[in-house]
Amino acid sequence: MIELSEKRIEELKTSIPIKIGERVRFLRKEKGLTQTQLATLVGKDRQYLYKIEKAVVTPNVVTISALAIALEIPLKEFFDIDIK
């Protein structure tokens, strides 16, 4: 089992929201949706979706699950991001 240092945890706190935002934007565009359309599908406003995509906020697991459902992809596929 790997123990994470405080430095590594801080790096993750910075990099994960960016990767999630990039993933949401990529998948949204792949489906041909605007921010407004996707936000409406998951019961959020466009500004919140913009903030997710720009890594200003980190969505919780329920919001990520709703995004995956709205984008018609398995949750595990949503997390198909490289974390080093």
PDB file of N, CA and C in Angstrom:
ATOM      1  N   MET A   1       0.845  -1.175   0.000  1.00  0.00           N
ATOM      2  CA  MET A   1       0.000   0.000   0.000  1.00  0.00           C
ATOM      3  C   MET A   1       0.892   1.241   0.000  1.00  0.00           C
ATOM      4  N   ILE A   2       0.502   2.258  -0.775  1.00  0.00           N
ATOM      5  CA  ILE A   2       1.294   3.471  -0.898  1.00  0.00           C
ATOM      6  C   ILE A   2       0.737   4.541   0.036  1.00  0.00           C
ATOM      7  N   GLU A   3       1.614   5.118   0.816  1.00  0.00           N
ATOM      8  CA  GLU A   3       1.220   6.227   1.680  1.00  0.00           C
ATOM      9  C   GLU A   3       1.492   7.528   0.923  1.00  0.00           C
ATOM     10  N   LEU A   4       0.507   8.402   0.878  1.00  0.00           N
ATOM     11  CA  LEU A   4       0.649   9.661   0.158  1.00  0.00           C
ATOM     12  C   LEU A   4       1.177  10.750   1.080  1.00  0.00           C
ATOM     13  N   SER A   5       2.153  11.473   0.612  1.00  0.00           N
ATOM     14  CA  SER A   5       2.698  12.589   1.391  1.00  0.00           C
ATOM     15  C   SER A   5       1.720  13.769   1.307  1.00  0.00           C
ATOM     16  N   GLU A   6       1.874  14.710   2.212  1.00  0.00           N
ATOM     17  CA  GLU A   6       1.038  15.910   2.177  1.00  0.00           C
ATOM     18  C   GLU A   6       1.253  16.673   0.877  1.00  0.00           C
ATOM     19  N   LYS A   7       2.487  16.689   0.403  1.00  0.00           N
ATOM     20  CA  LYS A   7       2.795  17.356  -0.863  1.00  0.00           C
ATOM     21  C   LYS A   7       2.025  16.708  -2.008  1.00  0.00           C
ATOM     22  N   ARG A   8       2.008  15.393  -2.046  1.00  0.00           N
ATOM     23  CA  ARG A   8       1.300  14.667  -3.106  1.00  0.00           C
ATOM     24  C   ARG A   8      -0.199  14.925  -3.035  1.00  0.00           C
ATOM     25  N   ILE A   9      -0.735  14.956  -1.839  1.00  0.00           N
ATOM     26  CA  ILE A   9      -2.169  15.237  -1.672  1.00  0.00           C
ATOM     27  C   ILE A   9      -2.486  16.640  -2.182  1.00  0.00           C
ATOM     28  N   GLU A  10      -1.642  17.602  -1.889  1.00  0.00           N
ATOM     29  CA  GLU A  10      -1.840  18.967  -2.380  1.00  0.00           C
ATOM     30  C   GLU A  10      -1.767  19.016  -3.905  1.00  0.00           C
ATOM     31  N   GLU A  11      -0.835  18.258  -4.487  1.00  0.00           N
ATOM     32  CA  GLU A  11      -0.743  18.185  -5.944  1.00  0.00           C
ATOM     33  C   GLU A  11      -2.036  17.637  -6.541  1.00  0.00           C
ATOM     34  N   LEU A  12      -2.595  16.608  -5.899  1.00  0.00           N
ATOM     35  CA  LEU A  12      -3.852  16.017  -6.370  1.00  0.00           C
ATOM     36  C   LEU A  12      -5.001  17.010  -6.266  1.00  0.00           C
ATOM     37  N   LYS A  13      -5.027  17.784  -5.188  1.00  0.00           N
ATOM     38  CA  LYS A  13      -6.088  18.777  -4.999  1.00  0.00           C
ATOM     39  C   LYS A  13      -6.061  19.826  -6.102  1.00  0.00           C
ATOM     40  N   THR A  14      -4.903  20.043  -6.666  1.00  0.00           N
ATOM     41  CA  THR A  14      -4.772  20.995  -7.759  1.00  0.00           C
ATOM     42  C   THR A  14      -5.053  20.336  -9.106  1.00  0.00           C
ATOM     43  N   SER A  15      -4.482  19.159  -9.328  1.00  0.00           N
ATOM     44  CA  SER A  15      -4.570  18.539 -10.652  1.00  0.00           C
ATOM     45  C   SER A  15      -5.909  17.859 -10.945  1.00  0.00           C
ATOM     46  N   ILE A  16      -6.519  17.245  -9.955  1.00  0.00           N
ATOM     47  CA  ILE A  16      -7.770  16.503 -10.201  1.00  0.00           C
ATOM     48  C   ILE A  16      -8.896  17.416 -10.702  1.00  0.00           C
ATOM     49  N   PRO A  17      -9.155  18.563 -10.065  1.00  0.00           N
ATOM     50  CA  PRO A  17     -10.217  19.426 -10.605  1.00  0.00           C
ATOM     51  C   PRO A  17      -9.953  19.847 -12.050  1.00  0.00           C
ATOM     52  N   ILE A  18      -8.689  20.072 -12.396  1.00  0.00           N
ATOM     53  CA  ILE A  18      -8.354  20.441 -13.774  1.00  0.00           C
ATOM     54  C   ILE A  18      -8.674  19.289 -14.717  1.00  0.00           C
ATOM     55  N   LYS A  19      -8.282  18.079 -14.344  1.00  0.00           N
ATOM     56  CA  LYS A  19      -8.534  16.906 -15.188  1.00  0.00           C
ATOM     57  C   LYS A  19     -10.034  16.638 -15.332  1.00  0.00           C
ATOM     58  N   ILE A  20     -10.777  16.789 -14.242  1.00  0.00           N
ATOM     59  CA  ILE A  20     -12.229  16.587 -14.308  1.00  0.00           C
ATOM     60  C   ILE A  20     -12.860  17.637 -15.219  1.00  0.00           C
ATOM     61  N   GLY A  21     -12.450  18.891 -15.062  1.00  0.00           N
ATOM     62  CA  GLY A  21     -12.982  19.955 -15.919  1.00  0.00           C
ATOM     63  C   GLY A  21     -12.695  19.712 -17.385  1.00  0.00           C
ATOM     64  N   GLU A  22     -11.455  19.295 -17.677  1.00  0.00           N
ATOM     65  CA  GLU A  22     -11.091  18.984 -19.063  1.00  0.00           C
ATOM     66  C   GLU A  22     -11.925  17.830 -19.596  1.00  0.00           C
ATOM     67  N   ARG A  23     -12.163  16.846 -18.739  1.00  0.00           N
ATOM     68  CA  ARG A  23     -12.932  15.666 -19.161  1.00  0.00           C
ATOM     69  C   ARG A  23     -14.384  16.046 -19.453  1.00  0.00           C
ATOM     70  N   VAL A  24     -14.974  16.846 -18.578  1.00  0.00           N
ATOM     71  CA  VAL A  24     -16.354  17.286 -18.785  1.00  0.00           C
ATOM     72  C   VAL A  24     -16.460  18.053 -20.102  1.00  0.00           C
ATOM     73  N   ARG A  25     -15.540  18.972 -20.323  1.00  0.00           N
ATOM     74  CA  ARG A  25     -15.570  19.773 -21.547  1.00  0.00           C
ATOM     75  C   ARG A  25     -15.412  18.887 -22.782  1.00  0.00           C
ATOM     76  N   PHE A  26     -14.455  17.973 -22.752  1.00  0.00           N
ATOM     77  CA  PHE A  26     -14.232  17.073 -23.886  1.00  0.00           C
ATOM     78  C   PHE A  26     -15.487  16.253 -24.183  1.00  0.00           C
ATOM     79  N   LEU A  27     -16.049  15.624 -23.149  1.00  0.00           N
ATOM     80  CA  LEU A  27     -17.220  14.768 -23.349  1.00  0.00           C
ATOM     81  C   LEU A  27     -18.434  15.574 -23.796  1.00  0.00           C
ATOM     82  N   ARG A  28     -18.608  16.761 -23.223  1.00  0.00           N
ATOM     83  CA  ARG A  28     -19.728  17.628 -23.608  1.00  0.00           C
ATOM     84  C   ARG A  28     -19.626  17.990 -25.085  1.00  0.00           C
ATOM     85  N   LYS A  29     -18.450  18.398 -25.516  1.00  0.00           N
ATOM     86  CA  LYS A  29     -18.269  18.776 -26.921  1.00  0.00           C
ATOM     87  C   LYS A  29     -18.417  17.569 -27.838  1.00  0.00           C
ATOM     88  N   GLU A  30     -17.930  16.413 -27.376  1.00  0.00           N
ATOM     89  CA  GLU A  30     -18.065  15.186 -28.165  1.00  0.00           C
ATOM     90  C   GLU A  30     -19.531  14.859 -28.425  1.00  0.00           C
ATOM     91  N   LYS A  31     -20.395  15.179 -27.447  1.00  0.00           N
ATOM     92  CA  LYS A  31     -21.835  14.927 -27.602  1.00  0.00           C
ATOM     93  C   LYS A  31     -22.550  16.079 -28.300  1.00  0.00           C
ATOM     94  N   GLY A  32     -21.816  17.153 -28.608  1.00  0.00           N
ATOM     95  CA  GLY A  32     -22.415  18.289 -29.306  1.00  0.00           C
ATOM     96  C   GLY A  32     -23.321  19.130 -28.433  1.00  0.00           C
ATOM     97  N   LEU A  33     -23.023  19.172 -27.142  1.00  0.00           N
ATOM     98  CA  LEU A  33     -23.850  19.932 -26.208  1.00  0.00           C
ATOM     99  C   LEU A  33     -23.185  21.242 -25.824  1.00  0.00           C
ATOM    100  N   THR A  34     -24.014  22.250 -25.578  1.00  0.00           N
ATOM    101  CA  THR A  34     -23.506  23.502 -25.019  1.00  0.00           C
ATOM    102  C   THR A  34     -23.436  23.350 -23.502  1.00  0.00           C
ATOM    103  N   GLN A  35     -22.766  24.280 -22.867  1.00  0.00           N
ATOM    104  CA  GLN A  35     -22.733  24.264 -21.396  1.00  0.00           C
ATOM    105  C   GLN A  35     -24.148  24.385 -20.841  1.00  0.00           C
ATOM    106  N   THR A  36     -24.941  25.236 -21.433  1.00  0.00           N
ATOM    107  CA  THR A  36     -26.314  25.434 -20.970  1.00  0.00           C
ATOM    108  C   THR A  36     -27.128  24.147 -21.090  1.00  0.00           C
ATOM    109  N   GLN A  37     -26.998  23.457 -22.209  1.00  0.00           N
ATOM    110  CA  GLN A  37     -27.749  22.218 -22.413  1.00  0.00           C
ATOM    111  C   GLN A  37     -27.353  21.158 -21.394  1.00  0.00           C
ATOM    112  N   LEU A  38     -26.056  20.959 -21.194  1.00  0.00           N
ATOM    113  CA  LEU A  38     -25.618  19.944 -20.231  1.00  0.00           C
ATOM    114  C   LEU A  38     -26.006  20.339 -18.815  1.00  0.00           C
ATOM    115  N   ALA A  39     -25.857  21.600 -18.491  1.00  0.00           N
ATOM    116  CA  ALA A  39     -26.235  22.065 -17.151  1.00  0.00           C
ATOM    117  C   ALA A  39     -27.711  21.794 -16.891  1.00  0.00           C
ATOM    118  N   THR A  40     -28.542  22.068 -17.866  1.00  0.00           N
ATOM    119  CA  THR A  40     -29.985  21.824 -17.729  1.00  0.00           C
ATOM    120  C   THR A  40     -30.263  20.337 -17.515  1.00  0.00           C
ATOM    121  N   LEU A  41     -29.566  19.483 -18.239  1.00  0.00           N
ATOM    122  CA  LEU A  41     -29.773  18.038 -18.102  1.00  0.00           C
ATOM    123  C   LEU A  41     -29.465  17.534 -16.696  1.00  0.00           C
ATOM    124  N   VAL A  42     -28.513  18.177 -16.010  1.00  0.00           N
ATOM    125  CA  VAL A  42     -28.134  17.713 -14.672  1.00  0.00           C
ATOM    126  C   VAL A  42     -28.681  18.602 -13.554  1.00  0.00           C
ATOM    127  N   GLY A  43     -29.560  19.538 -13.903  1.00  0.00           N
ATOM    128  CA  GLY A  43     -30.202  20.372 -12.883  1.00  0.00           C
ATOM    129  C   GLY A  43     -29.290  21.420 -12.268  1.00  0.00           C
ATOM    130  N   LYS A  44     -28.313  21.886 -13.040  1.00  0.00           N
ATOM    131  CA  LYS A  44     -27.398  22.932 -12.575  1.00  0.00           C
ATOM    132  C   LYS A  44     -27.515  24.119 -13.517  1.00  0.00           C
ATOM    133  N   ASP A  45     -26.902  25.239 -13.135  1.00  0.00           N
ATOM    134  CA  ASP A  45     -26.902  26.365 -14.067  1.00  0.00           C
ATOM    135  C   ASP A  45     -25.611  26.386 -14.875  1.00  0.00           C
ATOM    136  N   ARG A  46     -25.632  27.133 -15.961  1.00  0.00           N
ATOM    137  CA  ARG A  46     -24.494  27.175 -16.868  1.00  0.00           C
ATOM    138  C   ARG A  46     -23.233  27.665 -16.175  1.00  0.00           C
ATOM    139  N   GLN A  47     -23.377  28.625 -15.284  1.00  0.00           N
ATOM    140  CA  GLN A  47     -22.210  29.161 -14.578  1.00  0.00           C
ATOM    141  C   GLN A  47     -21.511  28.081 -13.759  1.00  0.00           C
ATOM    142  N   TYR A  48     -22.292  27.209 -13.130  1.00  0.00           N
ATOM    143  CA  TYR A  48     -21.689  26.128 -12.332  1.00  0.00           C
ATOM    144  C   TYR A  48     -20.922  25.170 -13.245  1.00  0.00           C
ATOM    145  N   LEU A  49     -21.495  24.840 -14.378  1.00  0.00           N
ATOM    146  CA  LEU A  49     -20.807  23.952 -15.312  1.00  0.00           C
ATOM    147  C   LEU A  49     -19.529  24.614 -15.834  1.00  0.00           C
ATOM    148  N   TYR A  50     -19.606  25.918 -16.115  1.00  0.00           N
ATOM    149  CA  TYR A  50     -18.423  26.666 -16.530  1.00  0.00           C
ATOM    150  C   TYR A  50     -17.338  26.561 -15.456  1.00  0.00           C
ATOM    151  N   LYS A  51     -17.725  26.712 -14.208  1.00  0.00           N
ATOM    152  CA  LYS A  51     -16.756  26.646 -13.101  1.00  0.00           C
ATOM    153  C   LYS A  51     -16.148  25.251 -12.965  1.00  0.00           C
ATOM    154  N   ILE A  52     -16.926  24.214 -13.244  1.00  0.00           N
ATOM    155  CA  ILE A  52     -16.369  22.850 -13.240  1.00  0.00           C
ATOM    156  C   ILE A  52     -15.328  22.740 -14.340  1.00  0.00           C
ATOM    157  N   GLU A  53     -15.683  23.171 -15.541  1.00  0.00           N
ATOM    158  CA  GLU A  53     -14.773  23.056 -16.678  1.00  0.00           C
ATOM    159  C   GLU A  53     -13.497  23.868 -16.489  1.00  0.00           C
ATOM    160  N   LYS A  54     -13.575  24.957 -15.760  1.00  0.00           N
ATOM    161  CA  LYS A  54     -12.408  25.811 -15.520  1.00  0.00           C
ATOM    162  C   LYS A  54     -11.700  25.471 -14.201  1.00  0.00           C
ATOM    163  N   ALA A  55     -12.139  24.406 -13.528  1.00  0.00           N
ATOM    164  CA  ALA A  55     -11.529  23.924 -12.282  1.00  0.00           C
ATOM    165  C   ALA A  55     -11.623  24.942 -11.150  1.00  0.00           C
ATOM    166  N   VAL A  56     -12.648  25.776 -11.186  1.00  0.00           N
ATOM    167  CA  VAL A  56     -12.885  26.719 -10.094  1.00  0.00           C
ATOM    168  C   VAL A  56     -13.567  25.994  -8.937  1.00  0.00           C
ATOM    169  N   VAL A  57     -14.424  25.042  -9.278  1.00  0.00           N
ATOM    170  CA  VAL A  57     -15.088  24.195  -8.283  1.00  0.00           C
ATOM    171  C   VAL A  57     -14.839  22.740  -8.631  1.00  0.00           C
ATOM    172  N   THR A  58     -14.925  21.902  -7.629  1.00  0.00           N
ATOM    173  CA  THR A  58     -14.801  20.461  -7.823  1.00  0.00           C
ATOM    174  C   THR A  58     -16.161  19.839  -7.552  1.00  0.00           C
ATOM    175  N   PRO A  59     -16.764  19.212  -8.554  1.00  0.00           N
ATOM    176  CA  PRO A  59     -18.085  18.622  -8.340  1.00  0.00           C
ATOM    177  C   PRO A  59     -18.014  17.414  -7.410  1.00  0.00           C
ATOM    178  N   ASN A  60     -19.107  17.199  -6.683  1.00  0.00           N
ATOM    179  CA  ASN A  60     -19.154  16.023  -5.807  1.00  0.00           C
ATOM    180  C   ASN A  60     -19.507  14.779  -6.625  1.00  0.00           C
ATOM    181  N   VAL A  61     -19.502  13.656  -5.976  1.00  0.00           N
ATOM    182  CA  VAL A  61     -19.720  12.378  -6.653  1.00  0.00           C
ATOM    183  C   VAL A  61     -21.112  12.306  -7.286  1.00  0.00           C
ATOM    184  N   VAL A  62     -22.101  12.865  -6.632  1.00  0.00           N
ATOM    185  CA  VAL A  62     -23.463  12.834  -7.182  1.00  0.00           C
ATOM    186  C   VAL A  62     -23.521  13.645  -8.476  1.00  0.00           C
ATOM    187  N   THR A  63     -22.909  14.818  -8.483  1.00  0.00           N
ATOM    188  CA  THR A  63     -22.897  15.649  -9.687  1.00  0.00           C
ATOM    189  C   THR A  63     -22.127  14.966 -10.810  1.00  0.00           C
ATOM    190  N   ILE A  64     -20.992  14.356 -10.476  1.00  0.00           N
ATOM    191  CA  ILE A  64     -20.226  13.630 -11.488  1.00  0.00           C
ATOM    192  C   ILE A  64     -21.045  12.470 -12.046  1.00  0.00           C
ATOM    193  N   SER A  65     -21.758  11.775 -11.191  1.00  0.00           N
ATOM    194  CA  SER A  65     -22.610  10.672 -11.640  1.00  0.00           C
ATOM    195  C   SER A  65     -23.712  11.186 -12.561  1.00  0.00           C
ATOM    196  N   ALA A  66     -24.319  12.314 -12.198  1.00  0.00           N
ATOM    197  CA  ALA A  66     -25.366  12.903 -13.043  1.00  0.00           C
ATOM    198  C   ALA A  66     -24.804  13.312 -14.400  1.00  0.00           C
ATOM    199  N   LEU A  67     -23.592  13.865 -14.398  1.00  0.00           N
ATOM    200  CA  LEU A  67     -22.951  14.238 -15.657  1.00  0.00           C
ATOM    201  C   LEU A  67     -22.718  13.006 -16.531  1.00  0.00           C
ATOM    202  N   ALA A  68     -22.239  11.942 -15.934  1.00  0.00           N
ATOM    203  CA  ALA A  68     -22.001  10.709 -16.690  1.00  0.00           C
ATOM    204  C   ALA A  68     -23.303  10.174 -17.292  1.00  0.00           C
ATOM    205  N   ILE A  69     -24.359  10.195 -16.515  1.00  0.00           N
ATOM    206  CA  ILE A  69     -25.661   9.726 -17.006  1.00  0.00           C
ATOM    207  C   ILE A  69     -26.133  10.616 -18.157  1.00  0.00           C
ATOM    208  N   ALA A  70     -26.048  11.930 -17.967  1.00  0.00           N
ATOM    209  CA  ALA A  70     -26.499  12.869 -19.001  1.00  0.00           C
ATOM    210  C   ALA A  70     -25.673  12.724 -20.279  1.00  0.00           C
ATOM    211  N   LEU A  71     -24.396  12.411 -20.110  1.00  0.00           N
ATOM    212  CA  LEU A  71     -23.517  12.234 -21.266  1.00  0.00           C
ATOM    213  C   LEU A  71     -23.579  10.818 -21.836  1.00  0.00           C
ATOM    214  N   GLU A  72     -24.399   9.994 -21.206  1.00  0.00           N
ATOM    215  CA  GLU A  72     -24.637   8.616 -21.642  1.00  0.00           C
ATOM    216  C   GLU A  72     -23.350   7.800 -21.704  1.00  0.00           C
ATOM    217  N   ILE A  73     -22.556   7.906 -20.633  1.00  0.00           N
ATOM    218  CA  ILE A  73     -21.332   7.110 -20.525  1.00  0.00           C
ATOM    219  C   ILE A  73     -21.285   6.451 -19.154  1.00  0.00           C
ATOM    220  N   PRO A  74     -20.652   5.286 -19.057  1.00  0.00           N
ATOM    221  CA  PRO A  74     -20.488   4.662 -17.741  1.00  0.00           C
ATOM    222  C   PRO A  74     -19.623   5.546 -16.845  1.00  0.00           C
ATOM    223  N   LEU A  75     -19.906   5.534 -15.565  1.00  0.00           N
ATOM    224  CA  LEU A  75     -19.147   6.340 -14.611  1.00  0.00           C
ATOM    225  C   LEU A  75     -17.658   6.026 -14.693  1.00  0.00           C
ATOM    226  N   LYS A  76     -17.324   4.759 -14.850  1.00  0.00           N
ATOM    227  CA  LYS A  76     -15.900   4.399 -14.938  1.00  0.00           C
ATOM    228  C   LYS A  76     -15.256   5.011 -16.172  1.00  0.00           C
ATOM    229  N   GLU A  77     -16.012   5.183 -17.247  1.00  0.00           N
ATOM    230  CA  GLU A  77     -15.467   5.825 -18.446  1.00  0.00           C
ATOM    231  C   GLU A  77     -15.249   7.323 -18.209  1.00  0.00           C
ATOM    232  N   PHE A  78     -16.119   7.916 -17.409  1.00  0.00           N
ATOM    233  CA  PHE A  78     -15.938   9.333 -17.064  1.00  0.00           C
ATOM    234  C   PHE A  78     -14.561   9.549 -16.427  1.00  0.00           C
ATOM    235  N   PHE A  79     -14.167   8.586 -15.597  1.00  0.00           N
ATOM    236  CA  PHE A  79     -12.896   8.705 -14.879  1.00  0.00           C
ATOM    237  C   PHE A  79     -11.724   8.125 -15.657  1.00  0.00           C
ATOM    238  N   ASP A  80     -11.866   8.028 -16.948  1.00  0.00           N
ATOM    239  CA  ASP A  80     -10.765   7.532 -17.770  1.00  0.00           C
ATOM    240  C   ASP A  80      -9.769   8.674 -17.988  1.00  0.00           C
ATOM    241  N   ILE A  81      -9.143   9.082 -16.869  1.00  0.00           N
ATOM    242  CA  ILE A  81      -8.147  10.137 -16.887  1.00  0.00           C
ATOM    243  C   ILE A  81      -6.862   9.628 -16.286  1.00  0.00           C
ATOM    244  N   ASP A  82      -5.779  10.214 -16.722  1.00  0.00           N
ATOM    245  CA  ASP A  82      -4.467   9.780 -16.266  1.00  0.00           C
ATOM    246  C   ASP A  82      -4.065  10.538 -15.003  1.00  0.00           C
ATOM    247  N   ILE A  83      -3.894   9.821 -13.908  1.00  0.00           N
ATOM    248  CA  ILE A  83      -3.465  10.415 -12.647  1.00  0.00           C
ATOM    249  C   ILE A  83      -2.116   9.842 -12.299  1.00  0.00           C
ATOM    250  N   LYS A  84      -1.148  10.703 -12.227  1.00  0.00           N
ATOM    251  CA  LYS A  84       0.205  10.228 -11.920  1.00  0.00           C
ATOM    252  C   LYS A  84       0.653  10.715 -10.580  1.00  0.00           C
TER     253      LYS A  84
END
